[in-house]
């Protein structure tokens, strides 16, 4: 799939994406490059081949910086490297996450701290790192990925859903604090997007059918559905939207409320 719209103000925009080398993140990198943006992304695993593939497709190679986002100094160093290469970051997309399943009664402090470090702490410190540059430039946009999982009260990954709800609270507070600087901060909460990982681990026919029954729209979500919403929130097309949590889930939350 390709984007359904062109967002002209994203051309040449400096964009930084966490987890931009696989899954939804890879689709985001592809989508912003298609808009003509200058993209840098981080990931824990080597994504050099993917970056080269994107270079061949778009004629511009994204800047890939390998780092573990749970190390704040490394994450913020990658953000500085991106700014040096592409100019001050105008769009931050906090996408990286890990929804490892776990039994709440078996969680220890080490796992809890690790899960929140990936799924919440890195989001805050990435925001902290880009906001001064956005202030100096007169504005910017941040999209923090959450999930409808916490809205549905899903079991089996309490640390992950705790982080999801924390992201939406953080988003609202930061939007209020930095709105006077013309920095827009929104959260995007996808539903069940059928990435390769999801198909491999959990997308059996019975589960897919049961989930589709919950949706108002009777089609499974794909990566492009999330990309299009992210581009919209990143663009000045949504210039008066901030502090919001937008669910892209086919209507599951609507029928579950």
Protein backbone atom coordinates (compact mmCIF):
# COMPACT_ATOMS: atom_id res chain seq x y z
CA UNK A 1 0.00 0.00 0.00
CA UNK A 2 1.01 3.62 -0.48
CA UNK A 3 -0.11 6.71 1.38
CA UNK A 4 -3.58 7.98 0.53
CA UNK A 5 -2.52 11.62 0.86
CA UNK A 6 0.45 13.91 0.35
CA UNK A 7 1.48 16.18 3.22
CA UNK A 8 3.56 18.85 1.54
CA UNK A 9 4.89 20.37 4.75
CA UNK A 10 6.63 17.07 5.57
CA UNK A 11 8.93 17.40 2.57
CA UNK A 12 12.49 17.92 3.87
CA UNK A 13 11.25 17.76 7.46
CA UNK A 14 13.72 16.28 9.96
CA UNK A 15 12.02 13.17 11.38
CA UNK A 16 13.23 10.84 14.13
CA UNK A 17 11.57 7.44 14.66
CA UNK A 18 12.27 4.92 17.41
CA UNK A 19 12.07 1.29 16.35
CA UNK A 20 11.98 2.37 12.71
CA UNK A 21 13.60 -0.72 11.19
CA UNK A 22 10.94 -3.39 11.59
CA UNK A 23 7.19 -3.93 11.80
CA UNK A 24 5.08 -0.80 11.99
CA UNK A 25 8.26 1.23 12.49
CA UNK A 26 9.65 0.13 9.15
CA UNK A 27 6.37 1.13 7.49
CA UNK A 28 6.65 4.53 9.19
CA UNK A 29 10.17 5.04 7.88
CA UNK A 30 8.97 4.11 4.39
CA UNK A 31 5.94 6.39 4.70
CA UNK A 32 7.88 9.47 5.79
CA UNK A 33 10.49 8.92 3.08
CA UNK A 34 7.68 8.74 0.54
CA UNK A 35 6.61 12.20 1.72
CA UNK A 36 10.13 13.51 1.08
CA UNK A 37 11.15 13.77 4.74
CA UNK A 38 14.70 13.36 6.04
CA UNK A 39 14.40 10.32 8.29
CA UNK A 40 16.63 9.01 11.05
CA UNK A 41 15.67 5.97 13.08
CA UNK A 42 17.01 3.85 15.89
CA UNK A 43 16.67 0.16 16.64
CA UNK A 44 18.28 -2.43 18.84
CA UNK A 45 18.88 -4.87 15.96
CA UNK A 46 20.95 -4.13 12.89
CA UNK A 47 18.74 -2.53 10.23
CA UNK A 48 21.48 -1.55 7.79
CA UNK A 49 20.04 -3.74 5.05
CA UNK A 50 16.60 -2.18 5.49
CA UNK A 51 18.10 1.32 5.34
CA UNK A 52 19.88 0.42 2.12
CA UNK A 53 16.64 -1.00 0.70
CA UNK A 54 14.87 2.26 1.51
CA UNK A 55 17.70 4.16 -0.17
CA UNK A 56 17.21 2.19 -3.36
CA UNK A 57 13.45 2.69 -3.26
CA UNK A 58 13.38 6.42 -2.49
CA UNK A 59 16.75 7.64 -3.72
CA UNK A 60 17.57 8.87 -0.21
CA UNK A 61 18.92 6.59 2.48
CA UNK A 62 17.57 7.07 6.00
CA UNK A 63 20.07 7.48 8.81
CA UNK A 64 20.10 4.30 10.91
CA UNK A 65 21.62 4.47 14.38
CA UNK A 66 21.79 1.22 16.29
CA UNK A 67 21.11 1.63 19.99
CA UNK A 68 19.17 0.23 22.92
CA UNK A 69 16.58 2.86 23.85
CA UNK A 70 16.59 1.71 27.49
CA UNK A 71 19.98 3.46 27.73
CA UNK A 72 18.92 7.08 27.91
CA UNK A 73 22.35 8.48 27.11
CA UNK A 74 22.53 6.36 23.94
CA UNK A 75 19.02 7.37 22.85
CA UNK A 76 19.63 11.06 23.41
CA UNK A 77 23.02 10.78 21.71
CA UNK A 78 21.27 9.30 18.67
CA UNK A 79 18.87 12.22 18.67
CA UNK A 80 21.81 14.66 18.66
CA UNK A 81 23.40 12.70 15.81
CA UNK A 82 20.17 12.94 13.84
CA UNK A 83 19.94 16.69 14.44
CA UNK A 84 23.52 17.15 13.30
CA UNK A 85 22.78 15.24 10.08
CA UNK A 86 19.31 16.55 9.19
CA UNK A 87 18.82 19.69 11.23
CA UNK A 88 16.77 20.10 14.42
CA UNK A 89 14.12 17.42 14.70
CA UNK A 90 10.72 18.67 13.61
CA UNK A 91 8.83 15.40 14.05
CA UNK A 92 9.45 12.76 16.73
CA UNK A 93 7.65 9.44 16.49
CA UNK A 94 7.98 7.33 19.64
CA UNK A 95 7.07 3.95 18.19
CA UNK A 96 9.41 1.36 19.73
CA UNK A 97 7.73 -0.99 22.19
CA UNK A 98 7.84 -4.55 23.50
CA UNK A 99 4.58 -6.30 24.37
CA UNK A 100 6.16 -9.46 25.80
CA UNK A 101 3.46 -11.51 27.48
CA UNK A 102 3.77 -12.19 31.19
CA UNK A 103 1.92 -13.55 34.21
CA UNK A 104 1.40 -10.73 36.70
CA UNK A 105 2.12 -13.00 39.67
CA UNK A 106 5.48 -13.97 38.22
CA UNK A 107 6.76 -10.46 37.42
CA UNK A 108 9.84 -9.39 39.36
CA UNK A 109 11.27 -5.90 39.73
CA UNK A 110 13.88 -6.50 37.03
CA UNK A 111 11.27 -7.35 34.38
CA UNK A 112 8.97 -4.54 35.50
CA UNK A 113 11.74 -1.95 35.32
CA UNK A 114 12.87 -3.23 31.91
CA UNK A 115 9.34 -3.16 30.48
CA UNK A 116 8.70 0.40 31.60
CA UNK A 117 12.16 1.46 30.43
CA UNK A 118 11.28 0.30 26.89
CA UNK A 119 7.63 1.23 26.78
CA UNK A 120 7.42 4.47 28.79
CA UNK A 121 10.73 5.88 30.06
CA UNK A 122 12.30 6.05 26.58
CA UNK A 123 9.29 7.98 25.32
CA UNK A 124 9.67 10.66 27.97
CA UNK A 125 13.42 11.07 27.53
CA UNK A 126 13.13 11.21 23.75
CA UNK A 127 10.57 14.00 24.15
CA UNK A 128 12.89 15.76 26.60
CA UNK A 129 15.74 15.57 24.09
CA UNK A 130 13.85 17.01 21.08
CA UNK A 131 11.76 19.71 22.75
CA UNK A 132 14.53 22.34 23.16
CA UNK A 133 15.27 22.20 19.43
CA UNK A 134 11.56 22.48 18.66
CA UNK A 135 11.28 25.47 20.99
CA UNK A 136 14.16 27.19 19.22
CA UNK A 137 12.61 26.45 15.82
CA UNK A 138 9.19 27.77 16.76
CA UNK A 139 7.34 24.45 16.97
CA UNK A 140 7.20 20.78 16.14
CA UNK A 141 5.13 17.62 16.40
CA UNK A 142 5.46 14.53 18.58
CA UNK A 143 3.48 11.32 18.11
CA UNK A 144 3.64 8.88 21.01
CA UNK A 145 2.44 5.37 20.24
CA UNK A 146 0.15 3.81 22.81
CA UNK A 147 -2.29 0.92 22.22
CA UNK A 148 -5.97 0.16 22.66
CA UNK A 149 -4.89 -2.83 24.79
CA UNK A 150 -5.13 -0.84 28.01
CA UNK A 151 -8.48 0.67 27.01
CA UNK A 152 -9.85 -2.85 26.56
CA UNK A 153 -8.42 -4.06 29.86
CA UNK A 154 -6.53 -6.89 28.17
CA UNK A 155 -4.84 -9.42 30.43
CA UNK A 156 -1.46 -11.07 30.01
CA UNK A 157 0.83 -8.04 29.79
CA UNK A 158 0.09 -5.71 32.69
CA UNK A 159 3.45 -3.93 32.51
CA UNK A 160 2.81 -3.11 28.84
CA UNK A 161 -0.73 -1.82 29.37
CA UNK A 162 0.45 0.20 32.38
CA UNK A 163 2.97 1.86 30.08
CA UNK A 164 0.29 2.47 27.43
CA UNK A 165 -1.92 4.33 29.87
CA UNK A 166 1.10 6.23 31.19
CA UNK A 167 1.92 7.35 27.66
CA UNK A 168 -1.48 8.96 27.23
CA UNK A 169 -1.20 10.78 30.56
CA UNK A 170 2.30 11.96 29.76
CA UNK A 171 1.14 13.12 26.33
CA UNK A 172 -1.60 15.28 27.80
CA UNK A 173 0.70 16.87 30.38
CA UNK A 174 3.48 17.61 27.90
CA UNK A 175 0.98 18.98 25.39
CA UNK A 176 -0.23 21.44 28.02
CA UNK A 177 3.27 22.38 29.13
CA UNK A 178 4.73 22.97 25.68
CA UNK A 179 1.69 24.11 23.73
CA UNK A 180 2.74 27.77 24.19
CA UNK A 181 5.88 26.86 22.23
CA UNK A 182 3.72 25.62 19.33
CA UNK A 183 4.74 22.01 19.99
CA UNK A 184 1.90 19.59 19.35
CA UNK A 185 2.01 16.26 21.21
CA UNK A 186 -0.51 13.53 20.51
CA UNK A 187 -0.83 9.82 21.20
CA UNK A 188 -1.83 7.23 18.63
CA UNK A 189 -3.34 3.96 19.84
CA UNK A 190 -3.42 1.21 17.20
CA UNK A 191 -5.58 -1.86 17.43
CA UNK A 192 -4.45 -5.27 16.26
CA UNK A 193 -2.24 -4.57 13.25
CA UNK A 194 -1.30 -7.71 11.34
CA UNK A 195 2.45 -7.32 11.15
CA UNK A 196 4.67 -10.30 10.39
CA UNK A 197 5.35 -10.70 14.12
CA UNK A 198 1.66 -10.81 14.93
CA UNK A 199 0.97 -13.34 12.18
CA UNK A 200 3.80 -15.54 13.43
CA UNK A 201 2.96 -15.49 17.13
CA UNK A 202 -0.74 -14.88 17.71
CA UNK A 203 -2.83 -14.51 14.55
CA UNK A 204 -4.48 -17.92 14.37
CA UNK A 205 -7.82 -18.17 12.51
CA UNK A 206 -9.98 -18.34 15.64
CA UNK A 207 -8.31 -15.31 17.25
CA UNK A 208 -8.56 -13.31 14.04
CA UNK A 209 -12.25 -14.12 13.66
CA UNK A 210 -13.01 -13.24 17.28
CA UNK A 211 -11.20 -9.92 17.03
CA UNK A 212 -12.84 -8.98 13.74
CA UNK A 213 -16.21 -9.57 15.40
CA UNK A 214 -15.35 -6.79 17.88
CA UNK A 215 -14.52 -4.30 15.13
CA UNK A 216 -17.09 -1.97 13.60
CA UNK A 217 -15.15 -2.06 10.32
CA UNK A 218 -14.80 -5.63 9.12
CA UNK A 219 -11.28 -5.53 7.75
CA UNK A 220 -8.06 -6.32 9.59
CA UNK A 221 -5.68 -3.44 10.15
CA UNK A 222 -2.43 -3.25 8.19
CA UNK A 223 0.64 -1.08 8.75
CA UNK A 224 -0.44 1.58 6.27
CA UNK A 225 -3.53 2.36 8.35
CA UNK A 226 -1.22 3.44 11.17
CA UNK A 227 1.22 5.22 8.85
CA UNK A 228 -1.50 7.42 7.37
CA UNK A 229 -2.73 8.48 10.81
CA UNK A 230 0.83 9.24 11.94
CA UNK A 231 1.52 11.38 8.89
CA UNK A 232 -1.65 13.34 9.57
CA UNK A 233 -0.71 13.99 13.22
CA UNK A 234 2.83 14.97 12.16
CA UNK A 235 1.65 17.41 9.51
CA UNK A 236 0.30 20.90 9.96
CA UNK A 237 -2.91 19.47 8.54
CA UNK A 238 -3.65 18.68 12.19
CA UNK A 239 -2.22 22.00 13.44
CA UNK A 240 -4.90 22.57 16.11
CA UNK A 241 -4.87 19.04 17.50
CA UNK A 242 -2.79 18.36 20.60
CA UNK A 243 -3.08 16.37 23.81
CA UNK A 244 -5.30 13.83 22.05
CA UNK A 245 -5.28 10.04 21.96
CA UNK A 246 -6.44 8.78 18.58
CA UNK A 247 -7.47 5.13 18.31
CA UNK A 248 -6.88 3.45 14.95
CA UNK A 249 -8.52 0.12 15.64
CA UNK A 250 -11.45 -0.41 13.28
CA UNK A 251 -13.86 0.55 16.04
CA UNK A 252 -13.00 -2.00 18.73
CA UNK A 253 -12.89 0.58 21.52
CA UNK A 254 -16.22 1.99 20.38
CA UNK A 255 -18.01 -1.33 20.80
CA UNK A 256 -16.08 -2.27 23.95
CA UNK A 257 -16.87 0.92 25.87
